[in-house]
Amino acid sequence: KHLDMKLSRAKFDDLTRELVERCRGPVEQAIKDSGLDLSEINDVVLVGGSTRIPAVKELVKQMTGGKEPNQSVNPDEVVAVGAAIQAGVLAGEVKEVVLLDVTPLSLGIETMGGVFTKLVEKNTTIPCHKSETFSTAEDNQPGVDVYVFQGERALARENKLLGNFRLDGIAAAPRGMPRIEVSFDIDANGILSVSAKDQNTGKEQKITITASTNLSKDDVERMIREAESHAQEDKVLKERIDVRNEADSMCYTFEHKLKELGDQVSSGTRSRTENLIADLRQKMKDEADLDTIRNLMNELRGLDVIIQQDVQSRQPVGAAAGNTQSTQTSTGDSADDDVIDAEIES
């Protein structure tokens, strides 16, 4: 028996409201993944018969800055047409269409403090090559362990470990001085090659990972959902790690500065600086709140000016002002702008 009844648009919209709202998440994710501003979107093409529903069209219009959906295609046919084209490409009968794979999740390495530092962002077209320059976390560090992860979480341990290797033979040098180039190469078959090269000695190690793109759709979606549900928690944890890394780097910089300048720094300024460094290190050890650590860091920054004044006051009488070298340094260890603000622990 057929059901024949009148259904108002308002009633239909009310019955389908929850289903229509489910479209919001995928649209937001698609816009985010594209990296485009709403003003840069040329056309919005809706696929599937249900996109004929006015409420769906209106929702997409609102989310894309008022852009009217492109209705030049038949939403019922385009999926079948796309599948037919893909079949033709695989069979070698269609040459004009090139379909490019993308990385389903981000790829990167673990850096100081357990942070996941991404080198290949999610949805990067493959084949691709990405590289960053890192440094050491300790003085005279002889080698580094490179751990390769896949995922979207801020902390490395929360992502999938793909593999690891060690680069030995790094020449003895203060922390932050060695230049270690880490490169990610993904070929057209999804095979990932990761290498680490000491730019000073030329020594290099690498690893090849064949399963970097073999995750099931369910696995990828699960990892993305986990990243989204823990986004705020990860943000707080990463901020804490970043501040602690910066504080540790600042302590090292000032200790190195005091040692380098020697008697050019007055005993009073030296004592004050050393006490402040010790206090800051103790607060970090005691897991003090971030405001306390930041306040101590600001006090330490203020001493940089006083140290500079001490050095200038001890210049020989009549020395040219232009010959006075500023002692003010940044809070980081690295002097080169092309070195990423992250370190690889031994």
C-alpha atoms as a PDB file:
ATOM      1  CA  LYS A   1       0.000   0.000   0.000  1.00  0.00           C
ATOM      2  CA  HIS A   2       1.329   3.427  -0.940  1.00  0.00           C
ATOM      3  CA  LEU A   3       1.416   6.328   1.465  1.00  0.00           C
ATOM      4  CA  ASP A   4       0.041   9.457  -0.097  1.00  0.00           C
ATOM      5  CA  MET A   5       0.077  12.595   2.058  1.00  0.00           C
ATOM      6  CA  LYS A   6       1.029  16.250   1.906  1.00  0.00           C
ATOM      7  CA  LEU A   7       4.189  17.365   3.711  1.00  0.00           C
ATOM      8  CA  SER A   8       4.948  21.052   4.121  1.00  0.00           C
ATOM      9  CA  ARG A   9       8.436  22.404   3.479  1.00  0.00           C
ATOM     10  CA  ALA A  10       8.641  23.571   7.102  1.00  0.00           C
ATOM     11  CA  LYS A  11       7.767  20.089   8.386  1.00  0.00           C
ATOM     12  CA  PHE A  12      10.235  18.447   6.003  1.00  0.00           C
ATOM     13  CA  ASP A  13      13.000  20.830   7.104  1.00  0.00           C
ATOM     14  CA  ASP A  14      12.214  20.064  10.729  1.00  0.00           C
ATOM     15  CA  LEU A  15      12.384  16.301  10.119  1.00  0.00           C
ATOM     16  CA  THR A  16      15.698  16.538   8.237  1.00  0.00           C
ATOM     17  CA  ARG A  17      17.384  19.252  10.336  1.00  0.00           C
ATOM     18  CA  GLU A  18      19.684  16.811  12.164  1.00  0.00           C
ATOM     19  CA  LEU A  19      20.734  15.164   8.908  1.00  0.00           C
ATOM     20  CA  VAL A  20      21.431  18.504   7.244  1.00  0.00           C
ATOM     21  CA  GLU A  21      23.549  19.615  10.219  1.00  0.00           C
ATOM     22  CA  ARG A  22      25.757  16.583   9.699  1.00  0.00           C
ATOM     23  CA  CYS A  23      26.954  18.261   6.511  1.00  0.00           C
ATOM     24  CA  ARG A  24      28.529  21.076   8.528  1.00  0.00           C
ATOM     25  CA  GLY A  25      31.521  19.047   9.779  1.00  0.00           C
ATOM     26  CA  PRO A  26      32.678  17.720   6.379  1.00  0.00           C
ATOM     27  CA  VAL A  27      32.294  21.171   4.765  1.00  0.00           C
ATOM     28  CA  GLU A  28      34.321  22.834   7.543  1.00  0.00           C
ATOM     29  CA  GLN A  29      36.993  20.147   7.232  1.00  0.00           C
ATOM     30  CA  ALA A  30      37.140  20.494   3.435  1.00  0.00           C
ATOM     31  CA  ILE A  31      37.616  24.272   3.718  1.00  0.00           C
ATOM     32  CA  LYS A  32      40.278  23.838   6.400  1.00  0.00           C
ATOM     33  CA  ASP A  33      42.159  21.167   4.435  1.00  0.00           C
ATOM     34  CA  SER A  34      42.124  23.273   1.268  1.00  0.00           C
ATOM     35  CA  GLY A  35      44.009  26.090   2.999  1.00  0.00           C
ATOM     36  CA  LEU A  36      41.880  28.583   1.066  1.00  0.00           C
ATOM     37  CA  ASP A  37      40.174  31.726   2.230  1.00  0.00           C
ATOM     38  CA  LEU A  38      36.441  31.781   1.473  1.00  0.00           C
ATOM     39  CA  SER A  39      37.033  34.586  -1.020  1.00  0.00           C
ATOM     40  CA  GLU A  40      39.372  32.302  -2.997  1.00  0.00           C
ATOM     41  CA  ILE A  41      36.710  29.632  -3.665  1.00  0.00           C
ATOM     42  CA  ASN A  42      35.618  29.740  -7.312  1.00  0.00           C
ATOM     43  CA  ASP A  43      32.804  27.195  -7.318  1.00  0.00           C
ATOM     44  CA  VAL A  44      31.031  24.866  -4.920  1.00  0.00           C
ATOM     45  CA  VAL A  45      29.823  21.688  -6.641  1.00  0.00           C
ATOM     46  CA  LEU A  46      27.356  19.545  -4.693  1.00  0.00           C
ATOM     47  CA  VAL A  47      27.318  15.786  -5.267  1.00  0.00           C
ATOM     48  CA  GLY A  48      24.510  13.335  -4.509  1.00  0.00           C
ATOM     49  CA  GLY A  49      20.751  13.506  -4.938  1.00  0.00           C
ATOM     50  CA  SER A  50      20.138  14.779  -1.398  1.00  0.00           C
ATOM     51  CA  THR A  51      21.979  18.001  -2.226  1.00  0.00           C
ATOM     52  CA  ARG A  52      18.840  19.071  -4.056  1.00  0.00           C
ATOM     53  CA  ILE A  53      17.286  19.797  -0.648  1.00  0.00           C
ATOM     54  CA  PRO A  54      17.046  23.601  -0.314  1.00  0.00           C
ATOM     55  CA  ALA A  55      18.234  23.461   3.308  1.00  0.00           C
ATOM     56  CA  VAL A  56      21.448  21.740   2.217  1.00  0.00           C
ATOM     57  CA  LYS A  57      22.093  24.363  -0.451  1.00  0.00           C
ATOM     58  CA  GLU A  58      21.419  27.151   2.040  1.00  0.00           C
ATOM     59  CA  LEU A  59      23.757  25.655   4.640  1.00  0.00           C
ATOM     60  CA  VAL A  60      26.605  25.351   2.131  1.00  0.00           C
ATOM     61  CA  LYS A  61      25.936  28.881   0.911  1.00  0.00           C
ATOM     62  CA  GLN A  62      26.201  30.224   4.456  1.00  0.00           C
ATOM     63  CA  MET A  63      29.420  28.341   5.137  1.00  0.00           C
ATOM     64  CA  THR A  64      31.136  29.470   1.921  1.00  0.00           C
ATOM     65  CA  GLY A  65      30.622  33.186   2.313  1.00  0.00           C
ATOM     66  CA  GLY A  66      27.342  33.460   0.438  1.00  0.00           C
ATOM     67  CA  LYS A  67      28.495  31.625  -2.682  1.00  0.00           C
ATOM     68  CA  GLU A  68      25.654  29.985  -4.590  1.00  0.00           C
ATOM     69  CA  PRO A  69      26.279  26.258  -5.251  1.00  0.00           C
ATOM     70  CA  ASN A  70      27.158  25.380  -8.841  1.00  0.00           C
ATOM     71  CA  GLN A  71      24.218  23.348 -10.198  1.00  0.00           C
ATOM     72  CA  SER A  72      25.579  22.736 -13.687  1.00  0.00           C
ATOM     73  CA  VAL A  73      26.044  19.002 -13.042  1.00  0.00           C
ATOM     74  CA  ASN A  74      23.533  16.276 -12.323  1.00  0.00           C
ATOM     75  CA  PRO A  75      24.174  15.364  -8.651  1.00  0.00           C
ATOM     76  CA  ASP A  76      22.875  11.816  -9.237  1.00  0.00           C
ATOM     77  CA  GLU A  77      25.234  11.121 -12.130  1.00  0.00           C
ATOM     78  CA  VAL A  78      28.561  12.676 -11.126  1.00  0.00           C
ATOM     79  CA  VAL A  79      29.574   9.883  -8.738  1.00  0.00           C
ATOM     80  CA  ALA A  80      28.998   7.261 -11.433  1.00  0.00           C
ATOM     81  CA  VAL A  81      30.796   9.421 -14.013  1.00  0.00           C
ATOM     82  CA  GLY A  82      33.773   9.852 -11.693  1.00  0.00           C
ATOM     83  CA  ALA A  83      33.921   6.123 -11.044  1.00  0.00           C
ATOM     84  CA  ALA A  84      33.802   5.432 -14.796  1.00  0.00           C
ATOM     85  CA  ILE A  85      36.650   7.905 -15.419  1.00  0.00           C
ATOM     86  CA  GLN A  86      38.743   6.294 -12.673  1.00  0.00           C
ATOM     87  CA  ALA A  87      38.084   2.866 -14.208  1.00  0.00           C
ATOM     88  CA  GLY A  88      39.203   4.223 -17.564  1.00  0.00           C
ATOM     89  CA  VAL A  89      42.407   5.641 -16.037  1.00  0.00           C
ATOM     90  CA  LEU A  90      43.216   2.323 -14.348  1.00  0.00           C
ATOM     91  CA  ALA A  91      42.518   0.421 -17.559  1.00  0.00           C
ATOM     92  CA  GLY A  92      44.755   2.785 -19.523  1.00  0.00           C
ATOM     93  CA  GLU A  93      41.951   3.917 -21.791  1.00  0.00           C
ATOM     94  CA  VAL A  94      41.712   7.477 -20.434  1.00  0.00           C
ATOM     95  CA  LYS A  95      44.860   9.597 -20.670  1.00  0.00           C
ATOM     96  CA  GLU A  96      43.589  13.137 -20.218  1.00  0.00           C
ATOM     97  CA  VAL A  97      42.676  12.877 -16.539  1.00  0.00           C
ATOM     98  CA  VAL A  98      45.408  12.766 -13.892  1.00  0.00           C
ATOM     99  CA  LEU A  99      44.365  11.803 -10.367  1.00  0.00           C
ATOM    100  CA  LEU A 100      46.889  12.584  -7.635  1.00  0.00           C
ATOM    101  CA  ASP A 101      47.044  10.854  -4.271  1.00  0.00           C
ATOM    102  CA  VAL A 102      47.450  12.832  -1.070  1.00  0.00           C
ATOM    103  CA  THR A 103      48.784  11.972   2.361  1.00  0.00           C
ATOM    104  CA  PRO A 104      45.820  10.996   4.571  1.00  0.00           C
ATOM    105  CA  LEU A 105      47.568  12.162   7.770  1.00  0.00           C
ATOM    106  CA  SER A 106      50.505  14.398   8.651  1.00  0.00           C
ATOM    107  CA  LEU A 107      54.035  12.990   8.877  1.00  0.00           C
ATOM    108  CA  GLY A 108      56.815  14.274  11.094  1.00  0.00           C
ATOM    109  CA  ILE A 109      59.329  13.587  13.844  1.00  0.00           C
ATOM    110  CA  GLU A 110      59.561  13.859  17.609  1.00  0.00           C
ATOM    111  CA  THR A 111      61.484  16.906  18.824  1.00  0.00           C
ATOM    112  CA  MET A 112      62.515  18.268  22.222  1.00  0.00           C
ATOM    113  CA  GLY A 113      59.899  17.777  24.910  1.00  0.00           C
ATOM    114  CA  GLY A 114      58.075  15.051  22.977  1.00  0.00           C
ATOM    115  CA  VAL A 115      56.466  17.484  20.517  1.00  0.00           C
ATOM    116  CA  PHE A 116      55.289  16.164  17.145  1.00  0.00           C
ATOM    117  CA  THR A 117      56.885  18.436  14.535  1.00  0.00           C
ATOM    118  CA  LYS A 118      55.166  18.034  11.163  1.00  0.00           C
ATOM    119  CA  LEU A 119      57.203  18.040   7.966  1.00  0.00           C
ATOM    120  CA  VAL A 120      54.496  16.759   5.598  1.00  0.00           C
ATOM    121  CA  GLU A 121      51.039  18.165   6.308  1.00  0.00           C
ATOM    122  CA  LYS A 122      47.863  16.145   5.853  1.00  0.00           C
ATOM    123  CA  ASN A 123      46.470  16.226   2.299  1.00  0.00           C
ATOM    124  CA  THR A 124      49.846  17.046   0.724  1.00  0.00           C
ATOM    125  CA  THR A 125      49.917  15.841  -2.890  1.00  0.00           C
ATOM    126  CA  ILE A 126      52.363  13.013  -3.552  1.00  0.00           C
ATOM    127  CA  PRO A 127      55.025  12.503  -4.751  1.00  0.00           C
ATOM    128  CA  CYS A 128      56.607  15.178  -2.559  1.00  0.00           C
ATOM    129  CA  HIS A 129      59.834  16.241  -0.843  1.00  0.00           C
ATOM    130  CA  LYS A 130      59.983  18.191   2.419  1.00  0.00           C
ATOM    131  CA  SER A 131      62.954  19.035   4.615  1.00  0.00           C
ATOM    132  CA  GLU A 132      63.759  21.032   7.747  1.00  0.00           C
ATOM    133  CA  THR A 133      66.991  21.775   9.571  1.00  0.00           C
ATOM    134  CA  PHE A 134      67.202  20.861  13.254  1.00  0.00           C
ATOM    135  CA  SER A 135      69.945  20.919  15.861  1.00  0.00           C
ATOM    136  CA  THR A 136      71.091  19.219  19.058  1.00  0.00           C
ATOM    137  CA  ALA A 137      69.629  19.586  22.552  1.00  0.00           C
ATOM    138  CA  GLU A 138      72.872  19.131  24.505  1.00  0.00           C
ATOM    139  CA  ASP A 139      76.515  20.221  24.314  1.00  0.00           C
ATOM    140  CA  ASN A 140      78.801  17.785  22.462  1.00  0.00           C
ATOM    141  CA  GLN A 141      75.887  15.509  21.607  1.00  0.00           C
ATOM    142  CA  PRO A 142      77.419  12.640  19.560  1.00  0.00           C
ATOM    143  CA  GLY A 143      74.233  11.501  17.842  1.00  0.00           C
ATOM    144  CA  VAL A 144      70.478  11.892  17.481  1.00  0.00           C
ATOM    145  CA  ASP A 145      67.603   9.422  17.393  1.00  0.00           C
ATOM    146  CA  VAL A 146      65.011  10.212  14.745  1.00  0.00           C
ATOM    147  CA  TYR A 147      61.516   8.879  15.448  1.00  0.00           C
ATOM    148  CA  VAL A 148      59.052   9.117  12.551  1.00  0.00           C
ATOM    149  CA  PHE A 149      55.357   9.495  13.384  1.00  0.00           C
ATOM    150  CA  GLN A 150      52.061   9.786  11.522  1.00  0.00           C
ATOM    151  CA  GLY A 151      48.981  11.545  12.873  1.00  0.00           C
ATOM    152  CA  GLU A 152      47.436  14.845  13.929  1.00  0.00           C
ATOM    153  CA  ARG A 153      48.064  14.957  17.702  1.00  0.00           C
ATOM    154  CA  ALA A 154      50.379  17.622  19.146  1.00  0.00           C
ATOM    155  CA  LEU A 155      52.439  15.122  21.145  1.00  0.00           C
ATOM    156  CA  ALA A 156      54.451  12.490  19.297  1.00  0.00           C
ATOM    157  CA  ARG A 157      53.535   9.649  21.654  1.00  0.00           C
ATOM    158  CA  GLU A 158      49.844  10.064  20.772  1.00  0.00           C
ATOM    159  CA  ASN A 159      50.494   9.388  17.078  1.00  0.00           C
ATOM    160  CA  LYS A 160      51.438   6.242  15.168  1.00  0.00           C
ATOM    161  CA  LEU A 161      55.157   5.397  15.238  1.00  0.00           C
ATOM    162  CA  LEU A 162      56.270   4.355  11.749  1.00  0.00           C
ATOM    163  CA  GLY A 163      59.949   3.748  12.449  1.00  0.00           C
ATOM    164  CA  ASN A 164      63.166   5.149  13.881  1.00  0.00           C
ATOM    165  CA  PHE A 165      66.912   5.315  13.248  1.00  0.00           C
ATOM    166  CA  ARG A 166      70.025   6.928  14.748  1.00  0.00           C
ATOM    167  CA  LEU A 167      72.517   9.355  13.232  1.00  0.00           C
ATOM    168  CA  ASP A 168      75.919   9.057  14.942  1.00  0.00           C
ATOM    169  CA  GLY A 169      79.214  10.835  14.438  1.00  0.00           C
ATOM    170  CA  ILE A 170      78.071  14.409  15.001  1.00  0.00           C
ATOM    171  CA  ALA A 171      81.139  16.595  15.591  1.00  0.00           C
ATOM    172  CA  ALA A 172      81.492  17.901  19.161  1.00  0.00           C
ATOM    173  CA  ALA A 173      79.905  21.344  19.406  1.00  0.00           C
ATOM    174  CA  PRO A 174      77.733  23.447  21.739  1.00  0.00           C
ATOM    175  CA  ARG A 175      74.021  22.697  21.604  1.00  0.00           C
ATOM    176  CA  GLY A 176      72.254  24.456  18.788  1.00  0.00           C
ATOM    177  CA  MET A 177      75.356  24.623  16.595  1.00  0.00           C
ATOM    178  CA  PRO A 178      75.211  21.361  14.545  1.00  0.00           C
ATOM    179  CA  ARG A 179      72.982  21.517  11.476  1.00  0.00           C
ATOM    180  CA  ILE A 180      71.003  18.325  10.904  1.00  0.00           C
ATOM    181  CA  GLU A 181      68.813  18.285   7.816  1.00  0.00           C
ATOM    182  CA  VAL A 182      65.876  15.899   8.067  1.00  0.00           C
ATOM    183  CA  SER A 183      64.210  15.111   4.739  1.00  0.00           C
ATOM    184  CA  PHE A 184      60.964  13.309   3.912  1.00  0.00           C
ATOM    185  CA  ASP A 185      60.492  11.914   0.409  1.00  0.00           C
ATOM    186  CA  ILE A 186      57.280  10.166  -0.655  1.00  0.00           C
ATOM    187  CA  ASP A 187      57.185   8.595  -4.100  1.00  0.00           C
ATOM    188  CA  ALA A 188      54.168   8.002  -6.334  1.00  0.00           C
ATOM    189  CA  ASN A 189      53.617   4.588  -4.725  1.00  0.00           C
ATOM    190  CA  GLY A 190      53.382   6.086  -1.231  1.00  0.00           C
ATOM    191  CA  ILE A 191      56.776   4.752  -0.116  1.00  0.00           C
ATOM    192  CA  LEU A 192      58.319   7.098   2.459  1.00  0.00           C
ATOM    193  CA  SER A 193      62.067   7.655   2.763  1.00  0.00           C
ATOM    194  CA  VAL A 194      63.337   9.641   5.746  1.00  0.00           C
ATOM    195  CA  SER A 195      66.951  10.782   6.003  1.00  0.00           C
ATOM    196  CA  ALA A 196      69.003  12.788   8.496  1.00  0.00           C
ATOM    197  CA  LYS A 197      72.256  14.423   7.361  1.00  0.00           C
ATOM    198  CA  ASP A 198      74.830  16.285   9.431  1.00  0.00           C
ATOM    199  CA  GLN A 199      75.623  19.265   7.223  1.00  0.00           C
ATOM    200  CA  ASN A 200      79.000  19.753   8.900  1.00  0.00           C
ATOM    201  CA  THR A 201      80.389  16.217   8.548  1.00  0.00           C
ATOM    202  CA  GLY A 202      78.293  14.960   5.648  1.00  0.00           C
ATOM    203  CA  LYS A 203      77.315  11.817   7.562  1.00  0.00           C
ATOM    204  CA  GLU A 204      73.837  10.534   6.741  1.00  0.00           C
ATOM    205  CA  GLN A 205      71.384   7.847   7.832  1.00  0.00           C
ATOM    206  CA  LYS A 206      68.000   6.957   6.354  1.00  0.00           C
ATOM    207  CA  ILE A 207      65.023   4.653   6.662  1.00  0.00           C
ATOM    208  CA  THR A 208      62.428   3.497   4.122  1.00  0.00           C
ATOM    209  CA  ILE A 209      58.828   2.978   5.241  1.00  0.00           C
ATOM    210  CA  THR A 210      56.410   1.228   2.903  1.00  0.00           C
ATOM    211  CA  ALA A 211      53.225   1.415   4.993  1.00  0.00           C
ATOM    212  CA  SER A 212      52.945   5.188   5.428  1.00  0.00           C
ATOM    213  CA  THR A 213      49.771   5.455   3.311  1.00  0.00           C
ATOM    214  CA  ASN A 214      48.257   2.020   3.885  1.00  0.00           C
ATOM    215  CA  LEU A 215      45.926   2.944   6.727  1.00  0.00           C
ATOM    216  CA  SER A 216      42.308   1.977   6.271  1.00  0.00           C
ATOM    217  CA  LYS A 217      39.691   4.690   5.905  1.00  0.00           C
ATOM    218  CA  ASP A 218      38.341   3.783   9.353  1.00  0.00           C
ATOM    219  CA  ASP A 219      41.807   4.155  10.914  1.00  0.00           C
ATOM    220  CA  VAL A 220      42.325   7.570   9.322  1.00  0.00           C
ATOM    221  CA  GLU A 221      38.909   8.805  10.412  1.00  0.00           C
ATOM    222  CA  ARG A 222      39.449   7.484  13.933  1.00  0.00           C
ATOM    223  CA  MET A 223      42.802   9.263  14.261  1.00  0.00           C
ATOM    224  CA  ILE A 224      41.324  12.509  12.958  1.00  0.00           C
ATOM    225  CA  ARG A 225      38.402  12.261  15.391  1.00  0.00           C
ATOM    226  CA  GLU A 226      40.792  11.642  18.274  1.00  0.00           C
ATOM    227  CA  ALA A 227      42.843  14.684  17.301  1.00  0.00           C
ATOM    228  CA  GLU A 228      39.720  16.838  17.151  1.00  0.00           C
ATOM    229  CA  SER A 229      38.359  15.608  20.489  1.00  0.00           C
ATOM    230  CA  HIS A 230      41.700  16.208  22.237  1.00  0.00           C
ATOM    231  CA  ALA A 231      42.523  19.465  20.431  1.00  0.00           C
ATOM    232  CA  GLN A 232      42.126  21.738  23.473  1.00  0.00           C
ATOM    233  CA  GLU A 233      43.967  19.339  25.784  1.00  0.00           C
ATOM    234  CA  ASP A 234      46.832  19.007  23.295  1.00  0.00           C
ATOM    235  CA  LYS A 235      46.996  22.781  22.863  1.00  0.00           C
ATOM    236  CA  VAL A 236      47.494  23.263  26.615  1.00  0.00           C
ATOM    237  CA  LEU A 237      50.140  20.526  26.808  1.00  0.00           C
ATOM    238  CA  LYS A 238      52.039  21.844  23.794  1.00  0.00           C
ATOM    239  CA  GLU A 239      51.996  25.390  25.160  1.00  0.00           C
ATOM    240  CA  ARG A 240      53.491  24.139  28.422  1.00  0.00           C
ATOM    241  CA  ILE A 241      56.213  22.218  26.587  1.00  0.00           C
ATOM    242  CA  ASP A 242      56.998  25.197  24.324  1.00  0.00           C
ATOM    243  CA  VAL A 243      57.364  27.549  27.291  1.00  0.00           C
ATOM    244  CA  ARG A 244      59.575  25.084  29.155  1.00  0.00           C
ATOM    245  CA  ASN A 245      61.740  24.563  26.063  1.00  0.00           C
ATOM    246  CA  GLU A 246      62.089  28.311  25.644  1.00  0.00           C
ATOM    247  CA  ALA A 247      62.978  28.727  29.338  1.00  0.00           C
ATOM    248  CA  ASP A 248      65.575  25.957  29.139  1.00  0.00           C
ATOM    249  CA  SER A 249      67.057  27.520  26.025  1.00  0.00           C
ATOM    250  CA  MET A 250      67.172  30.918  27.730  1.00  0.00           C
ATOM    251  CA  CYS A 251      68.983  29.513  30.764  1.00  0.00           C
ATOM    252  CA  TYR A 252      71.574  27.901  28.506  1.00  0.00           C
ATOM    253  CA  THR A 253      72.044  31.120  26.516  1.00  0.00           C
ATOM    254  CA  PHE A 254      72.679  33.232  29.616  1.00  0.00           C
ATOM    255  CA  GLU A 255      75.010  30.644  31.182  1.00  0.00           C
ATOM    256  CA  HIS A 256      77.011  30.585  27.960  1.00  0.00           C
ATOM    257  CA  LYS A 257      77.039  34.382  27.835  1.00  0.00           C
ATOM    258  CA  LEU A 258      78.359  34.747  31.398  1.00  0.00           C
ATOM    259  CA  LYS A 259      81.115  32.227  30.682  1.00  0.00           C
ATOM    260  CA  GLU A 260      82.066  33.953  27.437  1.00  0.00           C
ATOM    261  CA  LEU A 261      82.137  37.502  28.816  1.00  0.00           C
ATOM    262  CA  GLY A 262      84.019  36.607  32.004  1.00  0.00           C
ATOM    263  CA  ASP A 263      85.190  39.647  34.006  1.00  0.00           C
ATOM    264  CA  GLN A 264      83.379  42.050  31.677  1.00  0.00           C
ATOM    265  CA  VAL A 265      80.247  41.352  33.745  1.00  0.00           C
ATOM    266  CA  SER A 266      80.231  42.823  37.265  1.00  0.00           C
ATOM    267  CA  SER A 267      80.111  40.409  40.211  1.00  0.00           C
ATOM    268  CA  GLY A 268      76.746  41.823  41.274  1.00  0.00           C
ATOM    269  CA  THR A 269      75.159  41.317  37.856  1.00  0.00           C
ATOM    270  CA  ARG A 270      76.712  37.863  37.526  1.00  0.00           C
ATOM    271  CA  SER A 271      75.419  36.762  40.939  1.00  0.00           C
ATOM    272  CA  ARG A 272      71.954  38.112  40.203  1.00  0.00           C
ATOM    273  CA  THR A 273      71.853  36.360  36.825  1.00  0.00           C
ATOM    274  CA  GLU A 274      73.098  33.033  38.204  1.00  0.00           C
ATOM    275  CA  ASN A 275      70.532  33.137  41.015  1.00  0.00           C
ATOM    276  CA  LEU A 276      67.739  33.873  38.573  1.00  0.00           C
ATOM    277  CA  ILE A 277      68.825  31.021  36.300  1.00  0.00           C
ATOM    278  CA  ALA A 278      68.907  28.631  39.266  1.00  0.00           C
ATOM    279  CA  ASP A 279      65.464  29.822  40.374  1.00  0.00           C
ATOM    280  CA  LEU A 280      64.028  29.353  36.887  1.00  0.00           C
ATOM    281  CA  ARG A 281      65.471  25.838  36.574  1.00  0.00           C
ATOM    282  CA  GLN A 282      64.070  24.913  39.988  1.00  0.00           C
ATOM    283  CA  LYS A 283      60.603  26.222  39.090  1.00  0.00           C
ATOM    284  CA  MET A 284      60.633  24.093  35.944  1.00  0.00           C
ATOM    285  CA  LYS A 285      61.716  21.075  37.977  1.00  0.00           C
ATOM    286  CA  ASP A 286      58.878  21.744  40.430  1.00  0.00           C
ATOM    287  CA  GLU A 287      56.347  21.942  37.539  1.00  0.00           C
ATOM    288  CA  ALA A 288      55.456  25.537  38.427  1.00  0.00           C
ATOM    289  CA  ASP A 289      52.590  27.223  36.531  1.00  0.00           C
ATOM    290  CA  LEU A 290      53.346  28.942  33.247  1.00  0.00           C
ATOM    291  CA  ASP A 291      52.797  32.472  34.588  1.00  0.00           C
ATOM    292  CA  THR A 292      55.524  31.942  37.196  1.00  0.00           C
ATOM    293  CA  ILE A 293      57.937  30.626  34.559  1.00  0.00           C
ATOM    294  CA  ARG A 294      57.120  33.463  32.150  1.00  0.00           C
ATOM    295  CA  ASN A 295      57.651  36.091  34.873  1.00  0.00           C
ATOM    296  CA  LEU A 296      61.102  34.694  35.652  1.00  0.00           C
ATOM    297  CA  MET A 297      61.927  34.613  31.945  1.00  0.00           C
ATOM    298  CA  ASN A 298      60.965  38.293  31.648  1.00  0.00           C
ATOM    299  CA  GLU A 299      63.226  39.130  34.604  1.00  0.00           C
ATOM    300  CA  LEU A 300      66.065  37.280  32.897  1.00  0.00           C
ATOM    301  CA  ARG A 301      65.460  39.180  29.660  1.00  0.00           C
ATOM    302  CA  GLY A 302      65.686  42.419  31.616  1.00  0.00           C
ATOM    303  CA  LEU A 303      69.166  41.447  32.854  1.00  0.00           C
ATOM    304  CA  ASP A 304      70.368  41.243  29.268  1.00  0.00           C
ATOM    305  CA  VAL A 305      70.367  45.048  29.084  1.00  0.00           C
ATOM    306  CA  ILE A 306      72.263  45.310  32.381  1.00  0.00           C
ATOM    307  CA  ILE A 307      74.881  42.826  31.141  1.00  0.00           C
ATOM    308  CA  GLN A 308      75.299  44.899  27.999  1.00  0.00           C
ATOM    309  CA  GLN A 309      75.755  48.037  30.075  1.00  0.00           C
ATOM    310  CA  ASP A 310      78.402  46.285  32.192  1.00  0.00           C
ATOM    311  CA  VAL A 311      80.339  45.330  29.076  1.00  0.00           C
ATOM    312  CA  GLN A 312      80.129  48.825  27.617  1.00  0.00           C
ATOM    313  CA  SER A 313      81.243  50.440  30.874  1.00  0.00           C
ATOM    314  CA  ARG A 314      84.398  48.311  30.808  1.00  0.00           C
ATOM    315  CA  GLN A 315      85.399  49.374  27.302  1.00  0.00           C
ATOM    316  CA  PRO A 316      88.750  51.208  27.116  1.00  0.00           C
ATOM    317  CA  VAL A 317      88.418  54.988  27.444  1.00  0.00           C
ATOM    318  CA  GLY A 318      88.121  56.592  24.040  1.00  0.00           C
ATOM    319  CA  ALA A 319      87.096  53.363  22.278  1.00  0.00           C
ATOM    320  CA  ALA A 320      84.931  54.050  19.239  1.00  0.00           C
ATOM    321  CA  ALA A 321      81.273  53.469  19.886  1.00  0.00           C
ATOM    322  CA  GLY A 322      81.032  51.703  16.566  1.00  0.00           C
ATOM    323  CA  ASN A 323      83.500  49.071  17.747  1.00  0.00           C
ATOM    324  CA  THR A 324      81.339  48.050  20.714  1.00  0.00           C
ATOM    325  CA  GLN A 325      79.678  44.726  20.013  1.00  0.00           C
ATOM    326  CA  SER A 326      76.222  44.240  21.455  1.00  0.00           C
ATOM    327  CA  THR A 327      75.920  41.257  23.785  1.00  0.00           C
ATOM    328  CA  GLN A 328      72.165  41.068  23.463  1.00  0.00           C
ATOM    329  CA  THR A 329      71.069  37.698  22.172  1.00  0.00           C
ATOM    330  CA  SER A 330      67.822  35.974  21.468  1.00  0.00           C
ATOM    331  CA  THR A 331      66.371  33.391  23.809  1.00  0.00           C
ATOM    332  CA  GLY A 332      67.078  30.605  21.304  1.00  0.00           C
ATOM    333  CA  ASP A 333      70.247  28.616  20.838  1.00  0.00           C
ATOM    334  CA  SER A 334      70.464  28.935  17.084  1.00  0.00           C
ATOM    335  CA  ALA A 335      71.881  31.951  15.319  1.00  0.00           C
ATOM    336  CA  ASP A 336      70.658  30.997  11.858  1.00  0.00           C
ATOM    337  CA  ASP A 337      67.161  31.948  10.759  1.00  0.00           C
ATOM    338  CA  ASP A 338      66.830  28.850   8.562  1.00  0.00           C
ATOM    339  CA  VAL A 339      67.058  26.459  11.485  1.00  0.00           C
ATOM    340  CA  ILE A 340      63.698  25.420  12.879  1.00  0.00           C
ATOM    341  CA  ASP A 341      63.077  26.248  16.535  1.00  0.00           C
ATOM    342  CA  ALA A 342      63.203  22.638  17.667  1.00  0.00           C
ATOM    343  CA  GLU A 343      65.862  20.255  18.811  1.00  0.00           C
ATOM    344  CA  ILE A 344      66.366  16.511  18.558  1.00  0.00           C
ATOM    345  CA  GLU A 345      67.297  14.854  21.806  1.00  0.00           C
ATOM    346  CA  SER A 346      69.979  12.195  22.035  1.00  0.00           C
END
